[in-house]
Amino acid sequence: MSSLNIARPGFMRREEHHIFEDMVGRFLLDHAAPERTRAWREKGLVDRETWRAAGEAGLLGLCVPSEYGGPGVDFTFDAILMEQLGQHHALNFAIPLHNAVVAPYIVSYGDEQQKRRWLPGVVSGETILAVAMTEPGAGSDLQSMKTYARRDGDDYIINGQKTFISNGAHASLIIVAAKTDPKAGAKGISLFSVETEKTDGFTRGKLLDKIGQEGRDTAELFFSDMRVPAENLIGSEGGGFGMLMEKLPQERLVIAWQAMAMMDAAIGQTIAYASDRRAFGKSLLDFQNSQFKLAECKTSASIAQTFLYYCTEQLLSGTLDPVTASMAKYWITETQGKVIDECLQLYGGYGYMAEYPIAEMYKDARAYRIYGGTNEIMKLLIARSLRDQK
């Protein structure tokens, strides 16, 4: 339950939204209890059985049209799913990446044969998705990528490597960005769907050891003369950068929604803790400092939530521009970090103990300011828009 008491806008308050929210909540109670989420962190990933269970429960491939086995619902259902993942401290389960970041590339740009091959598995959980853009020498600057694909008859041969790839350790279908024309700049980037279990020349590195989000598997990927059928090209050759740019606003909104969900959960848990914890004969919540700090946290989070609803409405109407999406990603993730830090402080020494979710949130939150384009890049994109206002 949200700690903010902000009424959802009408476009997120239909009867089917309430039914879906209840369904997600029940699933997470059964499959994301604290002992399960701790096991994810210990193993470094969410087991495939849980992915399949999520598919059976109807939580995967929400944007996939009914003719390919999905429910074909809009982004608001992904937003509700992210809220519930936050409330159940289960955001290490990278369903939002699978559902709302990677699947839309196939839905929007795949041809009919590709959709029929891949989307049913996306919905069932048999196919786990990832997208591979970042390289050791090319993070937010996608045009600097070195991974290269050359046509060879009915195939493309791809060489290069990717890093920091979420779901990289066990994804079975990975959309890989590679340069098909290194001299063409952004217009030389193409997207390929790599079926990992069928592809020679594809190898995974070991799980990367992170300071947070330990349950979200993250890996390096290596391509050595990797042979990919030409029929696995998504869209047109050289059209990859345009597709990436078109989908980045939604990806950044996905990050903002997850940050918001974690922030909301942190405030709710801290209010409950401060109500129960006693010092000097009264609860922590009776102290004015605690009240003021939580008042500041709730205000900041409420502003973030309101802006997020606005951005979501724009996304649904097709008017969310890259600058506004960058504002949402930058400001909400910065607010997330500050709010969770304040919440942890109210726990005192217990906030530094790993057994408390607030400690894990503190670690997990840090990555949100980095991936999907660092917040410094977000500010750059926002700053460029200033020139247009002269």
Protein backbone atom coordinates (compact mmCIF):
# COMPACT_ATOMS: atom_id res chain seq x y z
CA MET A 1 0.00 0.00 0.00
CA SER A 2 1.33 3.44 -0.95
CA SER A 3 2.52 5.71 1.84
CA LEU A 4 1.67 8.86 -0.14
CA ASN A 5 -2.15 8.77 -0.29
CA ILE A 6 -2.15 10.34 -3.76
CA ALA A 7 -5.16 9.29 -5.79
CA ARG A 8 -4.25 7.68 -9.06
CA PRO A 9 -5.39 9.58 -12.15
CA GLY A 10 -8.44 8.24 -13.96
CA PHE A 11 -6.42 6.56 -16.68
CA MET A 12 -4.92 4.25 -14.01
CA ARG A 13 -8.09 3.66 -12.04
CA ARG A 14 -10.16 1.32 -14.17
CA GLU A 15 -11.61 -1.87 -12.73
CA GLU A 16 -9.12 -3.98 -14.66
CA HIS A 17 -6.28 -2.06 -12.99
CA HIS A 18 -7.57 -3.03 -9.53
CA ILE A 19 -7.96 -6.67 -10.57
CA PHE A 20 -4.44 -6.74 -12.01
CA GLU A 21 -2.96 -5.08 -8.92
CA ASP A 22 -4.55 -7.71 -6.67
CA MET A 23 -3.29 -10.48 -8.95
CA VAL A 24 0.29 -9.15 -8.88
CA GLY A 25 0.17 -8.71 -5.11
CA ARG A 26 -0.95 -12.32 -4.59
CA PHE A 27 1.75 -13.61 -6.93
CA LEU A 28 4.48 -11.70 -5.11
CA LEU A 29 3.28 -12.87 -1.70
CA ASP A 30 3.71 -16.43 -2.95
CA HIS A 31 6.88 -16.04 -5.02
CA ALA A 32 8.77 -13.05 -3.59
CA ALA A 33 8.66 -13.61 0.16
CA PRO A 34 11.75 -12.32 2.02
CA GLU A 35 13.45 -15.72 2.02
CA ARG A 36 13.02 -15.89 -1.79
CA THR A 37 14.36 -12.40 -2.46
CA ARG A 38 17.35 -13.14 -0.21
CA ALA A 39 17.98 -16.31 -2.22
CA TRP A 40 17.97 -14.26 -5.42
CA ARG A 41 20.68 -12.04 -4.00
CA GLU A 42 22.74 -15.01 -2.86
CA LYS A 43 22.50 -16.73 -6.26
CA GLY A 44 22.88 -13.53 -8.24
CA LEU A 45 19.72 -14.08 -10.26
CA VAL A 46 16.02 -14.92 -10.21
CA ASP A 47 15.53 -18.61 -11.04
CA ARG A 48 13.87 -19.58 -14.31
CA GLU A 49 11.06 -21.35 -12.44
CA THR A 50 9.96 -18.01 -11.00
CA TRP A 51 10.05 -16.47 -14.47
CA ARG A 52 7.83 -19.27 -15.78
CA ALA A 53 5.49 -18.86 -12.82
CA ALA A 54 5.23 -15.15 -13.62
CA GLY A 55 4.32 -16.10 -17.17
CA GLU A 56 1.64 -18.50 -16.00
CA ALA A 57 0.25 -15.76 -13.73
CA GLY A 58 -0.07 -13.36 -16.67
CA LEU A 59 2.63 -10.89 -15.59
CA LEU A 60 4.92 -11.13 -18.62
CA GLY A 61 4.71 -9.53 -22.05
CA LEU A 62 1.93 -7.15 -21.06
CA CYS A 63 2.31 -5.12 -24.25
CA VAL A 64 2.21 -8.20 -26.50
CA PRO A 65 -0.98 -8.27 -28.64
CA SER A 66 -3.47 -11.08 -28.16
CA GLU A 67 -2.71 -12.69 -31.53
CA TYR A 68 0.76 -13.55 -30.15
CA GLY A 69 -0.48 -14.77 -26.78
CA GLY A 70 -0.28 -11.59 -24.71
CA PRO A 71 -2.91 -9.36 -23.10
CA GLY A 72 -2.02 -6.34 -25.26
CA VAL A 73 -2.56 -3.82 -22.44
CA ASP A 74 -1.02 -0.37 -22.15
CA PHE A 75 1.91 0.91 -20.08
CA THR A 76 -0.26 1.65 -17.02
CA PHE A 77 -0.30 -2.07 -16.21
CA ASP A 78 3.51 -2.15 -16.26
CA ALA A 79 3.47 0.85 -13.93
CA ILE A 80 1.18 -0.99 -11.47
CA LEU A 81 3.43 -4.04 -11.69
CA MET A 82 6.44 -1.87 -10.80
CA GLU A 83 4.56 -0.36 -7.85
CA GLN A 84 3.86 -3.83 -6.52
CA LEU A 85 7.44 -5.00 -7.06
CA GLY A 86 8.53 -2.01 -4.98
CA GLN A 87 6.04 -2.68 -2.19
CA HIS A 88 7.20 -6.31 -1.98
CA HIS A 89 10.90 -5.38 -2.12
CA ALA A 90 11.23 -7.41 -5.32
CA LEU A 91 12.60 -4.91 -7.84
CA ASN A 92 15.61 -7.17 -8.41
CA PHE A 93 13.17 -9.28 -10.46
CA ALA A 94 13.76 -7.57 -13.81
CA ILE A 95 10.28 -8.05 -15.24
CA PRO A 96 10.07 -4.31 -16.13
CA LEU A 97 13.14 -4.67 -18.36
CA HIS A 98 11.66 -7.76 -20.03
CA ASN A 99 8.17 -6.28 -20.40
CA ALA A 100 8.48 -2.56 -20.98
CA VAL A 101 12.00 -2.05 -22.33
CA VAL A 102 12.91 -5.02 -24.56
CA ALA A 103 9.60 -6.56 -25.68
CA PRO A 104 8.43 -3.28 -27.29
CA TYR A 105 11.28 -3.51 -29.83
CA ILE A 106 9.87 -6.77 -31.14
CA VAL A 107 6.24 -5.60 -30.93
CA SER A 108 6.95 -2.30 -32.70
CA TYR A 109 9.67 -3.20 -35.18
CA GLY A 110 9.66 -6.97 -35.64
CA ASP A 111 8.18 -8.45 -38.78
CA GLU A 112 5.29 -10.89 -38.65
CA GLN A 113 7.51 -13.97 -38.71
CA GLN A 114 9.69 -12.62 -35.88
CA LYS A 115 6.67 -11.81 -33.73
CA ARG A 116 5.22 -15.28 -34.16
CA ARG A 117 8.59 -16.90 -33.38
CA TRP A 118 9.47 -14.94 -30.26
CA LEU A 119 6.53 -13.24 -28.60
CA PRO A 120 4.65 -16.32 -27.30
CA GLY A 121 7.77 -17.33 -25.34
CA VAL A 122 8.12 -13.78 -24.03
CA VAL A 123 4.61 -14.08 -22.57
CA SER A 124 5.06 -17.59 -21.14
CA GLY A 125 8.45 -16.95 -19.54
CA GLU A 126 10.15 -19.57 -21.68
CA THR A 127 12.01 -16.71 -23.37
CA ILE A 128 13.78 -14.18 -21.13
CA LEU A 129 14.74 -10.90 -22.77
CA ALA A 130 17.72 -8.57 -22.53
CA VAL A 131 19.07 -5.68 -24.59
CA ALA A 132 22.80 -5.21 -25.16
CA MET A 133 23.87 -1.65 -25.89
CA THR A 134 26.57 -0.72 -23.35
CA GLU A 135 30.22 -1.57 -24.04
CA PRO A 136 33.34 -1.21 -21.90
CA GLY A 137 34.28 1.93 -23.85
CA ALA A 138 30.81 3.13 -24.81
CA GLY A 139 28.19 3.66 -22.13
CA SER A 140 25.84 6.59 -22.59
CA ASP A 141 27.57 7.46 -25.90
CA LEU A 142 26.01 4.77 -28.08
CA GLN A 143 27.58 6.08 -31.27
CA SER A 144 31.01 5.10 -29.94
CA MET A 145 30.19 1.39 -29.83
CA LYS A 146 32.76 -0.94 -31.41
CA THR A 147 30.69 -4.10 -31.88
CA TYR A 148 30.62 -4.71 -35.62
CA ALA A 149 28.35 -6.80 -37.85
CA ARG A 150 29.14 -7.63 -41.48
CA ARG A 151 26.86 -9.37 -43.95
CA ASP A 152 27.95 -12.81 -45.10
CA GLY A 153 25.39 -14.40 -47.38
CA ASP A 154 22.27 -15.20 -45.39
CA ASP A 155 23.96 -14.31 -42.09
CA TYR A 156 25.64 -11.49 -40.26
CA ILE A 157 28.94 -12.14 -38.50
CA ILE A 158 29.22 -10.12 -35.31
CA ASN A 159 32.33 -9.38 -33.26
CA GLY A 160 32.61 -7.34 -30.08
CA GLN A 161 31.51 -7.31 -26.47
CA LYS A 162 28.88 -5.76 -24.22
CA THR A 163 28.92 -5.13 -20.50
CA PHE A 164 26.57 -4.36 -17.58
CA ILE A 165 23.80 -6.32 -19.31
CA SER A 166 20.82 -6.93 -17.01
CA ASN A 167 19.33 -10.42 -17.51
CA GLY A 168 22.58 -11.11 -19.37
CA ALA A 169 23.38 -14.28 -17.46
CA HIS A 170 20.27 -16.19 -18.44
CA ALA A 171 18.47 -14.30 -21.19
CA SER A 172 17.60 -16.56 -24.10
CA LEU A 173 16.86 -13.74 -26.56
CA ILE A 174 19.08 -10.65 -26.55
CA ILE A 175 18.66 -7.62 -28.79
CA VAL A 176 22.22 -6.61 -29.69
CA ALA A 177 23.17 -3.22 -31.09
CA ALA A 178 26.05 -3.39 -33.59
CA LYS A 179 27.54 -1.21 -36.30
CA THR A 180 26.88 -2.44 -39.80
CA ASP A 181 28.51 0.66 -41.32
CA PRO A 182 31.18 2.15 -39.02
CA LYS A 183 31.56 5.19 -41.30
CA ALA A 184 27.90 6.19 -41.11
CA GLY A 185 27.83 7.23 -37.45
CA ALA A 186 24.40 6.86 -35.89
CA LYS A 187 22.95 5.75 -39.22
CA GLY A 188 25.31 2.76 -39.25
CA ILE A 189 23.85 1.06 -36.15
CA SER A 190 21.57 -1.98 -36.52
CA LEU A 191 19.70 -4.22 -34.08
CA PHE A 192 19.84 -8.02 -34.09
CA SER A 193 17.92 -10.58 -32.06
CA VAL A 194 20.39 -13.18 -30.82
CA GLU A 195 18.93 -16.54 -29.79
CA THR A 196 21.58 -17.47 -27.27
CA GLU A 197 20.96 -21.22 -27.20
CA LYS A 198 21.25 -21.55 -30.98
CA THR A 199 24.16 -19.21 -31.74
CA ASP A 200 27.81 -20.18 -32.18
CA GLY A 201 30.35 -17.57 -31.17
CA PHE A 202 28.24 -16.25 -28.30
CA THR A 203 29.62 -16.53 -24.77
CA ARG A 204 28.72 -15.00 -21.43
CA GLY A 205 31.15 -13.75 -18.84
CA LYS A 206 30.69 -14.49 -15.16
CA LEU A 207 28.11 -12.65 -13.09
CA LEU A 208 29.37 -9.17 -12.31
CA ASP A 209 29.90 -8.46 -8.60
CA LYS A 210 27.87 -5.33 -7.80
CA ILE A 211 27.42 -3.27 -4.64
CA GLY A 212 23.64 -3.49 -4.93
CA GLN A 213 20.85 -5.15 -6.92
CA GLU A 214 22.66 -8.43 -6.36
CA GLY A 215 19.59 -10.45 -7.34
CA ARG A 216 19.39 -8.83 -10.79
CA ASP A 217 21.80 -10.88 -12.89
CA THR A 218 24.26 -8.66 -14.72
CA ALA A 219 26.93 -9.99 -17.07
CA GLU A 220 29.38 -9.29 -19.86
CA LEU A 221 28.66 -10.75 -23.28
CA PHE A 222 31.25 -11.70 -25.89
CA PHE A 223 30.77 -12.15 -29.64
CA SER A 224 33.52 -13.95 -31.54
CA ASP A 225 32.57 -14.45 -35.20
CA MET A 226 29.03 -14.90 -33.92
CA ARG A 227 26.87 -15.93 -36.83
CA VAL A 228 23.31 -14.53 -36.72
CA PRO A 229 20.75 -15.23 -39.48
CA ALA A 230 19.88 -12.14 -41.51
CA GLU A 231 16.24 -12.84 -40.74
CA ASN A 232 17.04 -11.88 -37.12
CA LEU A 233 17.74 -8.27 -38.12
CA ILE A 234 15.16 -6.05 -36.41
CA GLY A 235 13.76 -3.45 -38.78
CA SER A 236 16.13 -2.23 -41.47
CA GLU A 237 19.91 -2.22 -41.62
CA GLY A 238 21.15 1.09 -40.23
CA GLY A 239 17.83 1.81 -38.52
CA GLY A 240 18.91 0.72 -35.05
CA PHE A 241 19.83 4.11 -33.60
CA GLY A 242 16.49 5.58 -34.59
CA MET A 243 14.67 2.71 -32.91
CA LEU A 244 16.76 3.06 -29.76
CA MET A 245 16.08 6.78 -29.59
CA GLU A 246 12.37 6.26 -30.13
CA LYS A 247 12.16 3.77 -27.24
CA LEU A 248 14.51 5.52 -24.80
CA PRO A 249 11.81 7.86 -23.37
CA GLN A 250 9.80 4.82 -22.25
CA GLU A 251 12.93 3.12 -20.91
CA ARG A 252 13.74 6.19 -18.84
CA LEU A 253 10.18 6.31 -17.56
CA VAL A 254 10.50 2.65 -16.55
CA ILE A 255 13.55 3.58 -14.48
CA ALA A 256 11.66 6.49 -12.92
CA TRP A 257 8.71 4.25 -12.03
CA GLN A 258 10.97 1.72 -10.32
CA ALA A 259 12.76 4.48 -8.41
CA MET A 260 9.39 5.87 -7.36
CA ALA A 261 8.14 2.47 -6.21
CA MET A 262 11.22 1.92 -4.06
CA MET A 263 11.03 5.41 -2.58
CA ASP A 264 7.37 4.97 -1.68
CA ALA A 265 8.07 1.61 -0.02
CA ALA A 266 10.99 3.07 1.93
CA ILE A 267 8.83 5.85 3.36
CA GLY A 268 6.07 3.45 4.35
CA GLN A 269 8.47 1.07 6.06
CA THR A 270 10.23 3.91 7.86
CA ILE A 271 6.96 5.33 9.19
CA ALA A 272 6.08 1.88 10.54
CA TYR A 273 9.53 1.47 12.09
CA ALA A 274 9.52 4.95 13.65
CA SER A 275 6.06 4.26 15.11
CA ASP A 276 7.22 1.06 16.82
CA ARG A 277 10.79 1.96 17.81
CA ARG A 278 11.03 3.60 21.23
CA ALA A 279 13.68 5.91 22.66
CA PHE A 280 13.62 7.96 25.84
CA GLY A 281 10.19 6.65 26.69
CA LYS A 282 8.40 7.50 23.44
CA SER A 283 8.29 6.40 19.82
CA LEU A 284 10.71 7.83 17.29
CA LEU A 285 7.74 9.25 15.44
CA ASP A 286 6.92 11.41 18.48
CA PHE A 287 10.17 13.34 18.04
CA GLN A 288 9.86 16.51 16.02
CA ASN A 289 13.03 15.74 14.03
CA SER A 290 11.55 12.43 12.87
CA GLN A 291 8.30 14.13 11.94
CA PHE A 292 10.06 16.87 9.99
CA LYS A 293 12.36 14.46 8.15
CA LEU A 294 9.48 12.22 7.13
CA ALA A 295 7.41 15.26 6.17
CA GLU A 296 10.24 16.33 3.84
CA CYS A 297 10.50 12.81 2.40
CA LYS A 298 6.77 12.52 1.83
CA THR A 299 6.62 15.95 0.16
CA SER A 300 9.52 15.18 -2.18
CA ALA A 301 8.05 11.78 -3.06
CA SER A 302 4.59 13.25 -3.65
CA ILE A 303 6.00 15.82 -6.08
CA ALA A 304 7.86 13.02 -7.87
CA GLN A 305 4.72 10.87 -8.06
CA THR A 306 2.63 13.71 -9.46
CA PHE A 307 5.21 14.46 -12.16
CA LEU A 308 5.44 10.76 -12.97
CA TYR A 309 1.68 10.55 -13.51
CA TYR A 310 1.94 13.55 -15.86
CA CYS A 311 4.76 11.91 -17.84
CA THR A 312 2.86 8.62 -18.02
CA GLU A 313 -0.17 10.38 -19.45
CA GLN A 314 2.08 11.94 -22.07
CA LEU A 315 3.56 8.55 -22.90
CA LEU A 316 0.10 7.08 -23.41
CA SER A 317 -0.85 9.92 -25.73
CA GLY A 318 2.38 9.62 -27.71
CA THR A 319 3.61 13.09 -26.70
CA LEU A 320 6.35 12.24 -24.16
CA ASP A 321 9.46 13.86 -25.59
CA PRO A 322 13.06 12.83 -24.76
CA VAL A 323 13.70 15.98 -22.71
CA THR A 324 10.73 15.46 -20.38
CA ALA A 325 11.59 11.76 -20.01
CA SER A 326 15.15 12.77 -19.14
CA MET A 327 13.80 15.15 -16.50
CA ALA A 328 11.74 12.35 -14.97
CA LYS A 329 14.62 9.88 -14.92
CA TYR A 330 17.10 12.42 -13.53
CA TRP A 331 14.96 14.12 -10.91
CA ILE A 332 13.10 11.10 -9.57
CA THR A 333 16.22 8.95 -9.20
CA GLU A 334 18.07 11.80 -7.47
CA THR A 335 15.09 12.22 -5.13
CA GLN A 336 15.01 8.47 -4.55
CA GLY A 337 18.62 8.51 -3.33
CA LYS A 338 18.06 11.42 -0.98
CA VAL A 339 14.81 10.09 0.46
CA ILE A 340 16.15 6.58 1.09
CA ASP A 341 19.26 8.04 2.73
CA GLU A 342 17.07 10.07 5.11
CA CYS A 343 14.92 7.03 5.84
CA LEU A 344 17.94 4.88 6.63
CA GLN A 345 19.20 7.53 9.08
CA LEU A 346 15.99 7.24 11.08
CA TYR A 347 16.70 3.54 11.61
CA GLY A 348 19.97 4.39 13.33
CA GLY A 349 22.42 1.47 13.49
CA TYR A 350 19.76 -0.98 12.34
CA GLY A 351 19.57 0.85 9.03
CA TYR A 352 23.12 -0.28 8.33
CA MET A 353 22.27 -3.95 8.88
CA ALA A 354 21.76 -5.98 5.72
CA GLU A 355 18.84 -7.88 7.24
CA TYR A 356 16.69 -4.75 6.99
CA PRO A 357 15.17 -3.97 3.56
CA ILE A 358 16.07 -0.29 3.98
CA ALA A 359 19.78 -1.22 3.84
CA GLU A 360 19.26 -3.17 0.63
CA MET A 361 17.23 -0.31 -0.83
CA TYR A 362 20.09 2.06 -0.01
CA LYS A 363 22.47 -0.09 -2.06
CA ASP A 364 19.99 -0.83 -4.84
CA ALA A 365 18.99 2.79 -5.36
CA ARG A 366 22.46 3.92 -6.38
CA ALA A 367 22.37 2.25 -9.80
CA TYR A 368 19.22 4.09 -10.90
CA ARG A 369 21.23 7.29 -11.33
CA ILE A 370 23.62 5.47 -13.67
CA TYR A 371 21.80 3.16 -16.03
CA GLY A 372 19.50 4.16 -18.86
CA GLY A 373 21.94 7.03 -19.43
CA THR A 374 23.70 8.64 -16.46
CA ASN A 375 22.01 11.59 -14.81
CA GLU A 376 24.80 13.79 -16.12
CA ILE A 377 23.76 12.81 -19.64
CA MET A 378 20.13 13.54 -18.71
CA LYS A 379 21.15 17.08 -17.68
CA LEU A 380 23.02 17.49 -20.96
CA LEU A 381 19.92 16.52 -22.94
CA ILE A 382 17.79 18.91 -20.90
CA ALA A 383 20.35 21.70 -21.30
CA ARG A 384 20.34 21.33 -25.09
CA SER A 385 16.65 22.17 -25.08
CA LEU A 386 17.41 25.55 -23.52
CA ARG A 387 18.84 26.80 -26.80
CA ASP A 388 15.51 26.16 -28.49
CA GLN A 389 13.83 28.58 -26.07
CA LYS A 390 15.89 31.62 -27.06
